[in-house]
Protein backbone atom coordinates (compact mmCIF):
# COMPACT_ATOMS: atom_id res chain seq x y z
CA UNK A 1 0.00 0.00 0.00
CA UNK A 2 1.32 3.43 -0.98
CA UNK A 3 0.30 6.84 0.27
CA UNK A 4 1.07 9.89 -1.85
CA UNK A 5 0.13 12.59 0.63
CA UNK A 6 2.42 15.27 -0.81
CA UNK A 7 1.63 14.58 -4.49
CA UNK A 8 5.06 13.33 -5.55
CA UNK A 9 3.73 10.25 -7.37
CA UNK A 10 0.49 11.57 -8.83
CA UNK A 11 -0.54 15.09 -9.70
CA UNK A 12 -4.26 15.78 -9.41
CA UNK A 13 -5.34 18.90 -11.29
CA UNK A 14 -9.03 19.30 -10.59
CA UNK A 15 -10.41 22.56 -12.01
CA UNK A 16 -12.49 23.76 -9.06
CA UNK A 17 -13.34 27.15 -10.55
CA UNK A 18 -14.23 25.64 -13.93
CA UNK A 19 -16.44 23.08 -12.21
CA UNK A 20 -18.30 25.71 -10.22
CA UNK A 21 -18.81 27.84 -13.34
CA UNK A 22 -20.19 24.81 -15.18
CA UNK A 23 -22.59 24.09 -12.28
CA UNK A 24 -23.82 27.69 -12.38
CA UNK A 25 -24.34 27.25 -16.13
CA UNK A 26 -26.44 24.13 -15.45
CA UNK A 27 -28.57 26.19 -13.04
CA UNK A 28 -29.05 28.95 -15.60
CA UNK A 29 -30.01 26.43 -18.30
CA UNK A 30 -32.58 24.99 -15.87
CA UNK A 31 -34.16 28.43 -15.42
CA UNK A 32 -32.74 29.10 -11.96
CA UNK A 33 -31.29 32.36 -10.65
CA UNK A 34 -27.58 31.97 -9.92
CA UNK A 35 -27.21 35.66 -9.07
CA UNK A 36 -26.64 35.13 -5.35
CA UNK A 37 -23.93 32.55 -5.98
CA UNK A 38 -20.33 32.94 -7.08
CA UNK A 39 -17.34 30.81 -8.04
CA UNK A 40 -16.37 30.95 -4.36
CA UNK A 41 -19.68 29.39 -3.25
CA UNK A 42 -19.34 25.83 -1.96
CA UNK A 43 -21.11 23.21 -4.07
CA UNK A 44 -23.48 22.33 -1.23
CA UNK A 45 -24.54 25.99 -0.92
CA UNK A 46 -25.23 26.01 -4.66
CA UNK A 47 -27.34 22.87 -4.41
CA UNK A 48 -29.25 24.22 -1.39
CA UNK A 49 -30.05 27.40 -3.32
CA UNK A 50 -31.27 25.38 -6.28
CA UNK A 51 -33.42 23.14 -4.08
CA UNK A 52 -35.04 26.21 -2.46
CA UNK A 53 -35.75 27.82 -5.81
CA UNK A 54 -37.24 24.63 -7.22
CA UNK A 55 -39.40 24.17 -4.11
CA UNK A 56 -40.70 27.72 -4.66
CA UNK A 57 -41.74 26.82 -8.21
CA UNK A 58 -38.83 28.30 -10.15
CA UNK A 59 -36.95 26.42 -12.82
CA UNK A 60 -37.84 24.08 -15.64
CA UNK A 61 -36.73 20.76 -14.07
CA UNK A 62 -37.27 18.90 -10.81
CA UNK A 63 -34.55 18.48 -8.18
CA UNK A 64 -33.59 14.87 -9.06
CA UNK A 65 -33.05 15.88 -12.70
CA UNK A 66 -31.02 18.94 -11.72
CA UNK A 67 -28.91 16.82 -9.36
CA UNK A 68 -28.32 14.30 -12.17
CA UNK A 69 -27.10 17.10 -14.44
CA UNK A 70 -24.83 18.55 -11.74
CA UNK A 71 -23.34 15.13 -10.93
CA UNK A 72 -22.73 14.49 -14.65
CA UNK A 73 -20.88 17.81 -14.78
CA UNK A 74 -18.79 16.90 -11.74
CA UNK A 75 -18.03 13.49 -13.26
CA UNK A 76 -16.88 15.10 -16.50
CA UNK A 77 -14.45 17.39 -14.68
CA UNK A 78 -13.13 14.54 -12.51
CA UNK A 79 -12.44 12.38 -15.57
CA UNK A 80 -10.65 15.27 -17.27
CA UNK A 81 -8.36 15.92 -14.28
C-alpha cells in the first residue's frame, strides 16, 4: 500500500473554478437564478439554493433531474483531471 500525501507520485489537477462555473451554467439552463452565488460558493450551498428555488416553483426541471445534471458535470471534470 502506498500513500502519496504530498503529491510526488500523482498530480491531481481538478479545475475547481471551472467546475463551479459549469454548475452555475447548469442552473441557468434549468431556469434558476444563480445571481446570489459565485465561483467561491461551496457546491453544497449552490445545491441548497437550487433546491429552495425549485421548491418555490422556479426552474424548468425537478430536483432529481437537476442533481443528475450537476453530478454528470462533476463526473466530467473529474475524468478530465
